[in-house]
Amino acid sequence: LTKDGSYYLLQNYIEGYVDGLSLI
């Protein structure tokens, strides 16, 4: 994550990761 590291940045990262798992 970037230095900002806010909750919403982590939320977006985890959602993207989970969406990637969904595609696979």
PDBML (XML) file of the C-alpha atoms, coordinates in Angstrom:
<?xml version="1.0" encoding="UTF-8" ?>
<PDBx:datablock datablockName="MODEL"
   xmlns:PDBx="http://pdbml.pdb.org/schema/pdbx-v50.xsd"
   xmlns:xsi="http://www.w3.org/2001/XMLSchema-instance"
   xsi:schemaLocation="http://pdbml.pdb.org/schema/pdbx-v50.xsd pdbx-v50.xsd">
   <PDBx:atom_siteCategory>
      <PDBx:atom_site id="1">
         <PDBx:B_iso_or_equiv>0.00</PDBx:B_iso_or_equiv>
         <PDBx:Cartn_x>0.000</PDBx:Cartn_x>
         <PDBx:Cartn_y>0.000</PDBx:Cartn_y>
         <PDBx:Cartn_z>0.000</PDBx:Cartn_z>
         <PDBx:auth_asym_id>A</PDBx:auth_asym_id>
         <PDBx:auth_atom_id>CA</PDBx:auth_atom_id>
         <PDBx:auth_comp_id>LEU</PDBx:auth_comp_id>
         <PDBx:auth_seq_id>1</PDBx:auth_seq_id>
         <PDBx:group_PDB>ATOM</PDBx:group_PDB>
         <PDBx:label_alt_id xsi:nil="true" />
         <PDBx:label_asym_id>A</PDBx:label_asym_id>
         <PDBx:label_atom_id>CA</PDBx:label_atom_id>
         <PDBx:label_comp_id>LEU</PDBx:label_comp_id>
         <PDBx:label_entity_id>1</PDBx:label_entity_id>
         <PDBx:label_seq_id>1</PDBx:label_seq_id>
         <PDBx:occupancy>1.00</PDBx:occupancy>
         <PDBx:pdbx_PDB_model_num>1</PDBx:pdbx_PDB_model_num>
         <PDBx:type_symbol>C</PDBx:type_symbol>
      </PDBx:atom_site>
      <PDBx:atom_site id="2">
         <PDBx:B_iso_or_equiv>0.00</PDBx:B_iso_or_equiv>
         <PDBx:Cartn_x>1.009</PDBx:Cartn_x>
         <PDBx:Cartn_y>3.635</PDBx:Cartn_y>
         <PDBx:Cartn_z>-0.342</PDBx:Cartn_z>
         <PDBx:auth_asym_id>A</PDBx:auth_asym_id>
         <PDBx:auth_atom_id>CA</PDBx:auth_atom_id>
         <PDBx:auth_comp_id>THR</PDBx:auth_comp_id>
         <PDBx:auth_seq_id>2</PDBx:auth_seq_id>
         <PDBx:group_PDB>ATOM</PDBx:group_PDB>
         <PDBx:label_alt_id xsi:nil="true" />
         <PDBx:label_asym_id>A</PDBx:label_asym_id>
         <PDBx:label_atom_id>CA</PDBx:label_atom_id>
         <PDBx:label_comp_id>THR</PDBx:label_comp_id>
         <PDBx:label_entity_id>1</PDBx:label_entity_id>
         <PDBx:label_seq_id>2</PDBx:label_seq_id>
         <PDBx:occupancy>1.00</PDBx:occupancy>
         <PDBx:pdbx_PDB_model_num>1</PDBx:pdbx_PDB_model_num>
         <PDBx:type_symbol>C</PDBx:type_symbol>
      </PDBx:atom_site>
      <PDBx:atom_site id="3">
         <PDBx:B_iso_or_equiv>0.00</PDBx:B_iso_or_equiv>
         <PDBx:Cartn_x>2.128</PDBx:Cartn_x>
         <PDBx:Cartn_y>5.725</PDBx:Cartn_y>
         <PDBx:Cartn_z>2.595</PDBx:Cartn_z>
         <PDBx:auth_asym_id>A</PDBx:auth_asym_id>
         <PDBx:auth_atom_id>CA</PDBx:auth_atom_id>
         <PDBx:auth_comp_id>LYS</PDBx:auth_comp_id>
         <PDBx:auth_seq_id>3</PDBx:auth_seq_id>
         <PDBx:group_PDB>ATOM</PDBx:group_PDB>
         <PDBx:label_alt_id xsi:nil="true" />
         <PDBx:label_asym_id>A</PDBx:label_asym_id>
         <PDBx:label_atom_id>CA</PDBx:label_atom_id>
         <PDBx:label_comp_id>LYS</PDBx:label_comp_id>
         <PDBx:label_entity_id>1</PDBx:label_entity_id>
         <PDBx:label_seq_id>3</PDBx:label_seq_id>
         <PDBx:occupancy>1.00</PDBx:occupancy>
         <PDBx:pdbx_PDB_model_num>1</PDBx:pdbx_PDB_model_num>
         <PDBx:type_symbol>C</PDBx:type_symbol>
      </PDBx:atom_site>
      <PDBx:atom_site id="4">
         <PDBx:B_iso_or_equiv>0.00</PDBx:B_iso_or_equiv>
         <PDBx:Cartn_x>-1.438</PDBx:Cartn_x>
         <PDBx:Cartn_y>7.071</PDBx:Cartn_y>
         <PDBx:Cartn_z>2.961</PDBx:Cartn_z>
         <PDBx:auth_asym_id>A</PDBx:auth_asym_id>
         <PDBx:auth_atom_id>CA</PDBx:auth_atom_id>
         <PDBx:auth_comp_id>ASP</PDBx:auth_comp_id>
         <PDBx:auth_seq_id>4</PDBx:auth_seq_id>
         <PDBx:group_PDB>ATOM</PDBx:group_PDB>
         <PDBx:label_alt_id xsi:nil="true" />
         <PDBx:label_asym_id>A</PDBx:label_asym_id>
         <PDBx:label_atom_id>CA</PDBx:label_atom_id>
         <PDBx:label_comp_id>ASP</PDBx:label_comp_id>
         <PDBx:label_entity_id>1</PDBx:label_entity_id>
         <PDBx:label_seq_id>4</PDBx:label_seq_id>
         <PDBx:occupancy>1.00</PDBx:occupancy>
         <PDBx:pdbx_PDB_model_num>1</PDBx:pdbx_PDB_model_num>
         <PDBx:type_symbol>C</PDBx:type_symbol>
      </PDBx:atom_site>
      <PDBx:atom_site id="5">
         <PDBx:B_iso_or_equiv>0.00</PDBx:B_iso_or_equiv>
         <PDBx:Cartn_x>-2.490</PDBx:Cartn_x>
         <PDBx:Cartn_y>3.606</PDBx:Cartn_y>
         <PDBx:Cartn_z>4.119</PDBx:Cartn_z>
         <PDBx:auth_asym_id>A</PDBx:auth_asym_id>
         <PDBx:auth_atom_id>CA</PDBx:auth_atom_id>
         <PDBx:auth_comp_id>GLY</PDBx:auth_comp_id>
         <PDBx:auth_seq_id>5</PDBx:auth_seq_id>
         <PDBx:group_PDB>ATOM</PDBx:group_PDB>
         <PDBx:label_alt_id xsi:nil="true" />
         <PDBx:label_asym_id>A</PDBx:label_asym_id>
         <PDBx:label_atom_id>CA</PDBx:label_atom_id>
         <PDBx:label_comp_id>GLY</PDBx:label_comp_id>
         <PDBx:label_entity_id>1</PDBx:label_entity_id>
         <PDBx:label_seq_id>5</PDBx:label_seq_id>
         <PDBx:occupancy>1.00</PDBx:occupancy>
         <PDBx:pdbx_PDB_model_num>1</PDBx:pdbx_PDB_model_num>
         <PDBx:type_symbol>C</PDBx:type_symbol>
      </PDBx:atom_site>
      <PDBx:atom_site id="6">
         <PDBx:B_iso_or_equiv>0.00</PDBx:B_iso_or_equiv>
         <PDBx:Cartn_x>-6.066</PDBx:Cartn_x>
         <PDBx:Cartn_y>4.601</PDBx:Cartn_y>
         <PDBx:Cartn_z>5.000</PDBx:Cartn_z>
         <PDBx:auth_asym_id>A</PDBx:auth_asym_id>
         <PDBx:auth_atom_id>CA</PDBx:auth_atom_id>
         <PDBx:auth_comp_id>SER</PDBx:auth_comp_id>
         <PDBx:auth_seq_id>6</PDBx:auth_seq_id>
         <PDBx:group_PDB>ATOM</PDBx:group_PDB>
         <PDBx:label_alt_id xsi:nil="true" />
         <PDBx:label_asym_id>A</PDBx:label_asym_id>
         <PDBx:label_atom_id>CA</PDBx:label_atom_id>
         <PDBx:label_comp_id>SER</PDBx:label_comp_id>
         <PDBx:label_entity_id>1</PDBx:label_entity_id>
         <PDBx:label_seq_id>6</PDBx:label_seq_id>
         <PDBx:occupancy>1.00</PDBx:occupancy>
         <PDBx:pdbx_PDB_model_num>1</PDBx:pdbx_PDB_model_num>
         <PDBx:type_symbol>C</PDBx:type_symbol>
      </PDBx:atom_site>
      <PDBx:atom_site id="7">
         <PDBx:B_iso_or_equiv>0.00</PDBx:B_iso_or_equiv>
         <PDBx:Cartn_x>-8.801</PDBx:Cartn_x>
         <PDBx:Cartn_y>2.105</PDBx:Cartn_y>
         <PDBx:Cartn_z>5.793</PDBx:Cartn_z>
         <PDBx:auth_asym_id>A</PDBx:auth_asym_id>
         <PDBx:auth_atom_id>CA</PDBx:auth_atom_id>
         <PDBx:auth_comp_id>TYR</PDBx:auth_comp_id>
         <PDBx:auth_seq_id>7</PDBx:auth_seq_id>
         <PDBx:group_PDB>ATOM</PDBx:group_PDB>
         <PDBx:label_alt_id xsi:nil="true" />
         <PDBx:label_asym_id>A</PDBx:label_asym_id>
         <PDBx:label_atom_id>CA</PDBx:label_atom_id>
         <PDBx:label_comp_id>TYR</PDBx:label_comp_id>
         <PDBx:label_entity_id>1</PDBx:label_entity_id>
         <PDBx:label_seq_id>7</PDBx:label_seq_id>
         <PDBx:occupancy>1.00</PDBx:occupancy>
         <PDBx:pdbx_PDB_model_num>1</PDBx:pdbx_PDB_model_num>
         <PDBx:type_symbol>C</PDBx:type_symbol>
      </PDBx:atom_site>
      <PDBx:atom_site id="8">
         <PDBx:B_iso_or_equiv>0.00</PDBx:B_iso_or_equiv>
         <PDBx:Cartn_x>-10.379</PDBx:Cartn_x>
         <PDBx:Cartn_y>2.769</PDBx:Cartn_y>
         <PDBx:Cartn_z>2.398</PDBx:Cartn_z>
         <PDBx:auth_asym_id>A</PDBx:auth_asym_id>
         <PDBx:auth_atom_id>CA</PDBx:auth_atom_id>
         <PDBx:auth_comp_id>TYR</PDBx:auth_comp_id>
         <PDBx:auth_seq_id>8</PDBx:auth_seq_id>
         <PDBx:group_PDB>ATOM</PDBx:group_PDB>
         <PDBx:label_alt_id xsi:nil="true" />
         <PDBx:label_asym_id>A</PDBx:label_asym_id>
         <PDBx:label_atom_id>CA</PDBx:label_atom_id>
         <PDBx:label_comp_id>TYR</PDBx:label_comp_id>
         <PDBx:label_entity_id>1</PDBx:label_entity_id>
         <PDBx:label_seq_id>8</PDBx:label_seq_id>
         <PDBx:occupancy>1.00</PDBx:occupancy>
         <PDBx:pdbx_PDB_model_num>1</PDBx:pdbx_PDB_model_num>
         <PDBx:type_symbol>C</PDBx:type_symbol>
      </PDBx:atom_site>
      <PDBx:atom_site id="9">
         <PDBx:B_iso_or_equiv>0.00</PDBx:B_iso_or_equiv>
         <PDBx:Cartn_x>-7.133</PDBx:Cartn_x>
         <PDBx:Cartn_y>2.042</PDBx:Cartn_y>
         <PDBx:Cartn_z>0.568</PDBx:Cartn_z>
         <PDBx:auth_asym_id>A</PDBx:auth_asym_id>
         <PDBx:auth_atom_id>CA</PDBx:auth_atom_id>
         <PDBx:auth_comp_id>LEU</PDBx:auth_comp_id>
         <PDBx:auth_seq_id>9</PDBx:auth_seq_id>
         <PDBx:group_PDB>ATOM</PDBx:group_PDB>
         <PDBx:label_alt_id xsi:nil="true" />
         <PDBx:label_asym_id>A</PDBx:label_asym_id>
         <PDBx:label_atom_id>CA</PDBx:label_atom_id>
         <PDBx:label_comp_id>LEU</PDBx:label_comp_id>
         <PDBx:label_entity_id>1</PDBx:label_entity_id>
         <PDBx:label_seq_id>9</PDBx:label_seq_id>
         <PDBx:occupancy>1.00</PDBx:occupancy>
         <PDBx:pdbx_PDB_model_num>1</PDBx:pdbx_PDB_model_num>
         <PDBx:type_symbol>C</PDBx:type_symbol>
      </PDBx:atom_site>
      <PDBx:atom_site id="10">
         <PDBx:B_iso_or_equiv>0.00</PDBx:B_iso_or_equiv>
         <PDBx:Cartn_x>-6.838</PDBx:Cartn_x>
         <PDBx:Cartn_y>-1.288</PDBx:Cartn_y>
         <PDBx:Cartn_z>2.382</PDBx:Cartn_z>
         <PDBx:auth_asym_id>A</PDBx:auth_asym_id>
         <PDBx:auth_atom_id>CA</PDBx:auth_atom_id>
         <PDBx:auth_comp_id>LEU</PDBx:auth_comp_id>
         <PDBx:auth_seq_id>10</PDBx:auth_seq_id>
         <PDBx:group_PDB>ATOM</PDBx:group_PDB>
         <PDBx:label_alt_id xsi:nil="true" />
         <PDBx:label_asym_id>A</PDBx:label_asym_id>
         <PDBx:label_atom_id>CA</PDBx:label_atom_id>
         <PDBx:label_comp_id>LEU</PDBx:label_comp_id>
         <PDBx:label_entity_id>1</PDBx:label_entity_id>
         <PDBx:label_seq_id>10</PDBx:label_seq_id>
         <PDBx:occupancy>1.00</PDBx:occupancy>
         <PDBx:pdbx_PDB_model_num>1</PDBx:pdbx_PDB_model_num>
         <PDBx:type_symbol>C</PDBx:type_symbol>
      </PDBx:atom_site>
      <PDBx:atom_site id="11">
         <PDBx:B_iso_or_equiv>0.00</PDBx:B_iso_or_equiv>
         <PDBx:Cartn_x>-10.536</PDBx:Cartn_x>
         <PDBx:Cartn_y>-1.959</PDBx:Cartn_y>
         <PDBx:Cartn_z>1.713</PDBx:Cartn_z>
         <PDBx:auth_asym_id>A</PDBx:auth_asym_id>
         <PDBx:auth_atom_id>CA</PDBx:auth_atom_id>
         <PDBx:auth_comp_id>GLN</PDBx:auth_comp_id>
         <PDBx:auth_seq_id>11</PDBx:auth_seq_id>
         <PDBx:group_PDB>ATOM</PDBx:group_PDB>
         <PDBx:label_alt_id xsi:nil="true" />
         <PDBx:label_asym_id>A</PDBx:label_asym_id>
         <PDBx:label_atom_id>CA</PDBx:label_atom_id>
         <PDBx:label_comp_id>GLN</PDBx:label_comp_id>
         <PDBx:label_entity_id>1</PDBx:label_entity_id>
         <PDBx:label_seq_id>11</PDBx:label_seq_id>
         <PDBx:occupancy>1.00</PDBx:occupancy>
         <PDBx:pdbx_PDB_model_num>1</PDBx:pdbx_PDB_model_num>
         <PDBx:type_symbol>C</PDBx:type_symbol>
      </PDBx:atom_site>
      <PDBx:atom_site id="12">
         <PDBx:B_iso_or_equiv>0.00</PDBx:B_iso_or_equiv>
         <PDBx:Cartn_x>-10.035</PDBx:Cartn_x>
         <PDBx:Cartn_y>-1.398</PDBx:Cartn_y>
         <PDBx:Cartn_z>-2.025</PDBx:Cartn_z>
         <PDBx:auth_asym_id>A</PDBx:auth_asym_id>
         <PDBx:auth_atom_id>CA</PDBx:auth_atom_id>
         <PDBx:auth_comp_id>ASN</PDBx:auth_comp_id>
         <PDBx:auth_seq_id>12</PDBx:auth_seq_id>
         <PDBx:group_PDB>ATOM</PDBx:group_PDB>
         <PDBx:label_alt_id xsi:nil="true" />
         <PDBx:label_asym_id>A</PDBx:label_asym_id>
         <PDBx:label_atom_id>CA</PDBx:label_atom_id>
         <PDBx:label_comp_id>ASN</PDBx:label_comp_id>
         <PDBx:label_entity_id>1</PDBx:label_entity_id>
         <PDBx:label_seq_id>12</PDBx:label_seq_id>
         <PDBx:occupancy>1.00</PDBx:occupancy>
         <PDBx:pdbx_PDB_model_num>1</PDBx:pdbx_PDB_model_num>
         <PDBx:type_symbol>C</PDBx:type_symbol>
      </PDBx:atom_site>
      <PDBx:atom_site id="13">
         <PDBx:B_iso_or_equiv>0.00</PDBx:B_iso_or_equiv>
         <PDBx:Cartn_x>-6.931</PDBx:Cartn_x>
         <PDBx:Cartn_y>-3.581</PDBx:Cartn_y>
         <PDBx:Cartn_z>-2.070</PDBx:Cartn_z>
         <PDBx:auth_asym_id>A</PDBx:auth_asym_id>
         <PDBx:auth_atom_id>CA</PDBx:auth_atom_id>
         <PDBx:auth_comp_id>TYR</PDBx:auth_comp_id>
         <PDBx:auth_seq_id>13</PDBx:auth_seq_id>
         <PDBx:group_PDB>ATOM</PDBx:group_PDB>
         <PDBx:label_alt_id xsi:nil="true" />
         <PDBx:label_asym_id>A</PDBx:label_asym_id>
         <PDBx:label_atom_id>CA</PDBx:label_atom_id>
         <PDBx:label_comp_id>TYR</PDBx:label_comp_id>
         <PDBx:label_entity_id>1</PDBx:label_entity_id>
         <PDBx:label_seq_id>13</PDBx:label_seq_id>
         <PDBx:occupancy>1.00</PDBx:occupancy>
         <PDBx:pdbx_PDB_model_num>1</PDBx:pdbx_PDB_model_num>
         <PDBx:type_symbol>C</PDBx:type_symbol>
      </PDBx:atom_site>
      <PDBx:atom_site id="14">
         <PDBx:B_iso_or_equiv>0.00</PDBx:B_iso_or_equiv>
         <PDBx:Cartn_x>-8.670</PDBx:Cartn_x>
         <PDBx:Cartn_y>-6.472</PDBx:Cartn_y>
         <PDBx:Cartn_z>-0.304</PDBx:Cartn_z>
         <PDBx:auth_asym_id>A</PDBx:auth_asym_id>
         <PDBx:auth_atom_id>CA</PDBx:auth_atom_id>
         <PDBx:auth_comp_id>ILE</PDBx:auth_comp_id>
         <PDBx:auth_seq_id>14</PDBx:auth_seq_id>
         <PDBx:group_PDB>ATOM</PDBx:group_PDB>
         <PDBx:label_alt_id xsi:nil="true" />
         <PDBx:label_asym_id>A</PDBx:label_asym_id>
         <PDBx:label_atom_id>CA</PDBx:label_atom_id>
         <PDBx:label_comp_id>ILE</PDBx:label_comp_id>
         <PDBx:label_entity_id>1</PDBx:label_entity_id>
         <PDBx:label_seq_id>14</PDBx:label_seq_id>
         <PDBx:occupancy>1.00</PDBx:occupancy>
         <PDBx:pdbx_PDB_model_num>1</PDBx:pdbx_PDB_model_num>
         <PDBx:type_symbol>C</PDBx:type_symbol>
      </PDBx:atom_site>
      <PDBx:atom_site id="15">
         <PDBx:B_iso_or_equiv>0.00</PDBx:B_iso_or_equiv>
         <PDBx:Cartn_x>-11.760</PDBx:Cartn_x>
         <PDBx:Cartn_y>-6.171</PDBx:Cartn_y>
         <PDBx:Cartn_z>-2.509</PDBx:Cartn_z>
         <PDBx:auth_asym_id>A</PDBx:auth_asym_id>
         <PDBx:auth_atom_id>CA</PDBx:auth_atom_id>
         <PDBx:auth_comp_id>GLU</PDBx:auth_comp_id>
         <PDBx:auth_seq_id>15</PDBx:auth_seq_id>
         <PDBx:group_PDB>ATOM</PDBx:group_PDB>
         <PDBx:label_alt_id xsi:nil="true" />
         <PDBx:label_asym_id>A</PDBx:label_asym_id>
         <PDBx:label_atom_id>CA</PDBx:label_atom_id>
         <PDBx:label_comp_id>GLU</PDBx:label_comp_id>
         <PDBx:label_entity_id>1</PDBx:label_entity_id>
         <PDBx:label_seq_id>15</PDBx:label_seq_id>
         <PDBx:occupancy>1.00</PDBx:occupancy>
         <PDBx:pdbx_PDB_model_num>1</PDBx:pdbx_PDB_model_num>
         <PDBx:type_symbol>C</PDBx:type_symbol>
      </PDBx:atom_site>
      <PDBx:atom_site id="16">
         <PDBx:B_iso_or_equiv>0.00</PDBx:B_iso_or_equiv>
         <PDBx:Cartn_x>-9.532</PDBx:Cartn_x>
         <PDBx:Cartn_y>-6.277</PDBx:Cartn_y>
         <PDBx:Cartn_z>-5.605</PDBx:Cartn_z>
         <PDBx:auth_asym_id>A</PDBx:auth_asym_id>
         <PDBx:auth_atom_id>CA</PDBx:auth_atom_id>
         <PDBx:auth_comp_id>GLY</PDBx:auth_comp_id>
         <PDBx:auth_seq_id>16</PDBx:auth_seq_id>
         <PDBx:group_PDB>ATOM</PDBx:group_PDB>
         <PDBx:label_alt_id xsi:nil="true" />
         <PDBx:label_asym_id>A</PDBx:label_asym_id>
         <PDBx:label_atom_id>CA</PDBx:label_atom_id>
         <PDBx:label_comp_id>GLY</PDBx:label_comp_id>
         <PDBx:label_entity_id>1</PDBx:label_entity_id>
         <PDBx:label_seq_id>16</PDBx:label_seq_id>
         <PDBx:occupancy>1.00</PDBx:occupancy>
         <PDBx:pdbx_PDB_model_num>1</PDBx:pdbx_PDB_model_num>
         <PDBx:type_symbol>C</PDBx:type_symbol>
      </PDBx:atom_site>
      <PDBx:atom_site id="17">
         <PDBx:B_iso_or_equiv>0.00</PDBx:B_iso_or_equiv>
         <PDBx:Cartn_x>-7.645</PDBx:Cartn_x>
         <PDBx:Cartn_y>-9.287</PDBx:Cartn_y>
         <PDBx:Cartn_z>-4.261</PDBx:Cartn_z>
         <PDBx:auth_asym_id>A</PDBx:auth_asym_id>
         <PDBx:auth_atom_id>CA</PDBx:auth_atom_id>
         <PDBx:auth_comp_id>TYR</PDBx:auth_comp_id>
         <PDBx:auth_seq_id>17</PDBx:auth_seq_id>
         <PDBx:group_PDB>ATOM</PDBx:group_PDB>
         <PDBx:label_alt_id xsi:nil="true" />
         <PDBx:label_asym_id>A</PDBx:label_asym_id>
         <PDBx:label_atom_id>CA</PDBx:label_atom_id>
         <PDBx:label_comp_id>TYR</PDBx:label_comp_id>
         <PDBx:label_entity_id>1</PDBx:label_entity_id>
         <PDBx:label_seq_id>17</PDBx:label_seq_id>
         <PDBx:occupancy>1.00</PDBx:occupancy>
         <PDBx:pdbx_PDB_model_num>1</PDBx:pdbx_PDB_model_num>
         <PDBx:type_symbol>C</PDBx:type_symbol>
      </PDBx:atom_site>
      <PDBx:atom_site id="18">
         <PDBx:B_iso_or_equiv>0.00</PDBx:B_iso_or_equiv>
         <PDBx:Cartn_x>-10.896</PDBx:Cartn_x>
         <PDBx:Cartn_y>-11.121</PDBx:Cartn_y>
         <PDBx:Cartn_z>-3.524</PDBx:Cartn_z>
         <PDBx:auth_asym_id>A</PDBx:auth_asym_id>
         <PDBx:auth_atom_id>CA</PDBx:auth_atom_id>
         <PDBx:auth_comp_id>VAL</PDBx:auth_comp_id>
         <PDBx:auth_seq_id>18</PDBx:auth_seq_id>
         <PDBx:group_PDB>ATOM</PDBx:group_PDB>
         <PDBx:label_alt_id xsi:nil="true" />
         <PDBx:label_asym_id>A</PDBx:label_asym_id>
         <PDBx:label_atom_id>CA</PDBx:label_atom_id>
         <PDBx:label_comp_id>VAL</PDBx:label_comp_id>
         <PDBx:label_entity_id>1</PDBx:label_entity_id>
         <PDBx:label_seq_id>18</PDBx:label_seq_id>
         <PDBx:occupancy>1.00</PDBx:occupancy>
         <PDBx:pdbx_PDB_model_num>1</PDBx:pdbx_PDB_model_num>
         <PDBx:type_symbol>C</PDBx:type_symbol>
      </PDBx:atom_site>
      <PDBx:atom_site id="19">
         <PDBx:B_iso_or_equiv>0.00</PDBx:B_iso_or_equiv>
         <PDBx:Cartn_x>-12.264</PDBx:Cartn_x>
         <PDBx:Cartn_y>-10.157</PDBx:Cartn_y>
         <PDBx:Cartn_z>-6.947</PDBx:Cartn_z>
         <PDBx:auth_asym_id>A</PDBx:auth_asym_id>
         <PDBx:auth_atom_id>CA</PDBx:auth_atom_id>
         <PDBx:auth_comp_id>ASP</PDBx:auth_comp_id>
         <PDBx:auth_seq_id>19</PDBx:auth_seq_id>
         <PDBx:group_PDB>ATOM</PDBx:group_PDB>
         <PDBx:label_alt_id xsi:nil="true" />
         <PDBx:label_asym_id>A</PDBx:label_asym_id>
         <PDBx:label_atom_id>CA</PDBx:label_atom_id>
         <PDBx:label_comp_id>ASP</PDBx:label_comp_id>
         <PDBx:label_entity_id>1</PDBx:label_entity_id>
         <PDBx:label_seq_id>19</PDBx:label_seq_id>
         <PDBx:occupancy>1.00</PDBx:occupancy>
         <PDBx:pdbx_PDB_model_num>1</PDBx:pdbx_PDB_model_num>
         <PDBx:type_symbol>C</PDBx:type_symbol>
      </PDBx:atom_site>
      <PDBx:atom_site id="20">
         <PDBx:B_iso_or_equiv>0.00</PDBx:B_iso_or_equiv>
         <PDBx:Cartn_x>-9.128</PDBx:Cartn_x>
         <PDBx:Cartn_y>-11.677</PDBx:Cartn_y>
         <PDBx:Cartn_z>-8.496</PDBx:Cartn_z>
         <PDBx:auth_asym_id>A</PDBx:auth_asym_id>
         <PDBx:auth_atom_id>CA</PDBx:auth_atom_id>
         <PDBx:auth_comp_id>GLY</PDBx:auth_comp_id>
         <PDBx:auth_seq_id>20</PDBx:auth_seq_id>
         <PDBx:group_PDB>ATOM</PDBx:group_PDB>
         <PDBx:label_alt_id xsi:nil="true" />
         <PDBx:label_asym_id>A</PDBx:label_asym_id>
         <PDBx:label_atom_id>CA</PDBx:label_atom_id>
         <PDBx:label_comp_id>GLY</PDBx:label_comp_id>
         <PDBx:label_entity_id>1</PDBx:label_entity_id>
         <PDBx:label_seq_id>20</PDBx:label_seq_id>
         <PDBx:occupancy>1.00</PDBx:occupancy>
         <PDBx:pdbx_PDB_model_num>1</PDBx:pdbx_PDB_model_num>
         <PDBx:type_symbol>C</PDBx:type_symbol>
      </PDBx:atom_site>
      <PDBx:atom_site id="21">
         <PDBx:B_iso_or_equiv>0.00</PDBx:B_iso_or_equiv>
         <PDBx:Cartn_x>-9.776</PDBx:Cartn_x>
         <PDBx:Cartn_y>-14.900</PDBx:Cartn_y>
         <PDBx:Cartn_z>-6.596</PDBx:Cartn_z>
         <PDBx:auth_asym_id>A</PDBx:auth_asym_id>
         <PDBx:auth_atom_id>CA</PDBx:auth_atom_id>
         <PDBx:auth_comp_id>LEU</PDBx:auth_comp_id>
         <PDBx:auth_seq_id>21</PDBx:auth_seq_id>
         <PDBx:group_PDB>ATOM</PDBx:group_PDB>
         <PDBx:label_alt_id xsi:nil="true" />
         <PDBx:label_asym_id>A</PDBx:label_asym_id>
         <PDBx:label_atom_id>CA</PDBx:label_atom_id>
         <PDBx:label_comp_id>LEU</PDBx:label_comp_id>
         <PDBx:label_entity_id>1</PDBx:label_entity_id>
         <PDBx:label_seq_id>21</PDBx:label_seq_id>
         <PDBx:occupancy>1.00</PDBx:occupancy>
         <PDBx:pdbx_PDB_model_num>1</PDBx:pdbx_PDB_model_num>
         <PDBx:type_symbol>C</PDBx:type_symbol>
      </PDBx:atom_site>
      <PDBx:atom_site id="22">
         <PDBx:B_iso_or_equiv>0.00</PDBx:B_iso_or_equiv>
         <PDBx:Cartn_x>-13.360</PDBx:Cartn_x>
         <PDBx:Cartn_y>-14.786</PDBx:Cartn_y>
         <PDBx:Cartn_z>-7.887</PDBx:Cartn_z>
         <PDBx:auth_asym_id>A</PDBx:auth_asym_id>
         <PDBx:auth_atom_id>CA</PDBx:auth_atom_id>
         <PDBx:auth_comp_id>SER</PDBx:auth_comp_id>
         <PDBx:auth_seq_id>22</PDBx:auth_seq_id>
         <PDBx:group_PDB>ATOM</PDBx:group_PDB>
         <PDBx:label_alt_id xsi:nil="true" />
         <PDBx:label_asym_id>A</PDBx:label_asym_id>
         <PDBx:label_atom_id>CA</PDBx:label_atom_id>
         <PDBx:label_comp_id>SER</PDBx:label_comp_id>
         <PDBx:label_entity_id>1</PDBx:label_entity_id>
         <PDBx:label_seq_id>22</PDBx:label_seq_id>
         <PDBx:occupancy>1.00</PDBx:occupancy>
         <PDBx:pdbx_PDB_model_num>1</PDBx:pdbx_PDB_model_num>
         <PDBx:type_symbol>C</PDBx:type_symbol>
      </PDBx:atom_site>
      <PDBx:atom_site id="23">
         <PDBx:B_iso_or_equiv>0.00</PDBx:B_iso_or_equiv>
         <PDBx:Cartn_x>-12.183</PDBx:Cartn_x>
         <PDBx:Cartn_y>-14.572</PDBx:Cartn_y>
         <PDBx:Cartn_z>-11.479</PDBx:Cartn_z>
         <PDBx:auth_asym_id>A</PDBx:auth_asym_id>
         <PDBx:auth_atom_id>CA</PDBx:auth_atom_id>
         <PDBx:auth_comp_id>LEU</PDBx:auth_comp_id>
         <PDBx:auth_seq_id>23</PDBx:auth_seq_id>
         <PDBx:group_PDB>ATOM</PDBx:group_PDB>
         <PDBx:label_alt_id xsi:nil="true" />
         <PDBx:label_asym_id>A</PDBx:label_asym_id>
         <PDBx:label_atom_id>CA</PDBx:label_atom_id>
         <PDBx:label_comp_id>LEU</PDBx:label_comp_id>
         <PDBx:label_entity_id>1</PDBx:label_entity_id>
         <PDBx:label_seq_id>23</PDBx:label_seq_id>
         <PDBx:occupancy>1.00</PDBx:occupancy>
         <PDBx:pdbx_PDB_model_num>1</PDBx:pdbx_PDB_model_num>
         <PDBx:type_symbol>C</PDBx:type_symbol>
      </PDBx:atom_site>
      <PDBx:atom_site id="24">
         <PDBx:B_iso_or_equiv>0.00</PDBx:B_iso_or_equiv>
         <PDBx:Cartn_x>-9.833</PDBx:Cartn_x>
         <PDBx:Cartn_y>-17.505</PDBx:Cartn_y>
         <PDBx:Cartn_z>-11.045</PDBx:Cartn_z>
         <PDBx:auth_asym_id>A</PDBx:auth_asym_id>
         <PDBx:auth_atom_id>CA</PDBx:auth_atom_id>
         <PDBx:auth_comp_id>ILE</PDBx:auth_comp_id>
         <PDBx:auth_seq_id>24</PDBx:auth_seq_id>
         <PDBx:group_PDB>ATOM</PDBx:group_PDB>
         <PDBx:label_alt_id xsi:nil="true" />
         <PDBx:label_asym_id>A</PDBx:label_asym_id>
         <PDBx:label_atom_id>CA</PDBx:label_atom_id>
         <PDBx:label_comp_id>ILE</PDBx:label_comp_id>
         <PDBx:label_entity_id>1</PDBx:label_entity_id>
         <PDBx:label_seq_id>24</PDBx:label_seq_id>
         <PDBx:occupancy>1.00</PDBx:occupancy>
         <PDBx:pdbx_PDB_model_num>1</PDBx:pdbx_PDB_model_num>
         <PDBx:type_symbol>C</PDBx:type_symbol>
      </PDBx:atom_site>
   </PDBx:atom_siteCategory>
</PDBx:datablock>
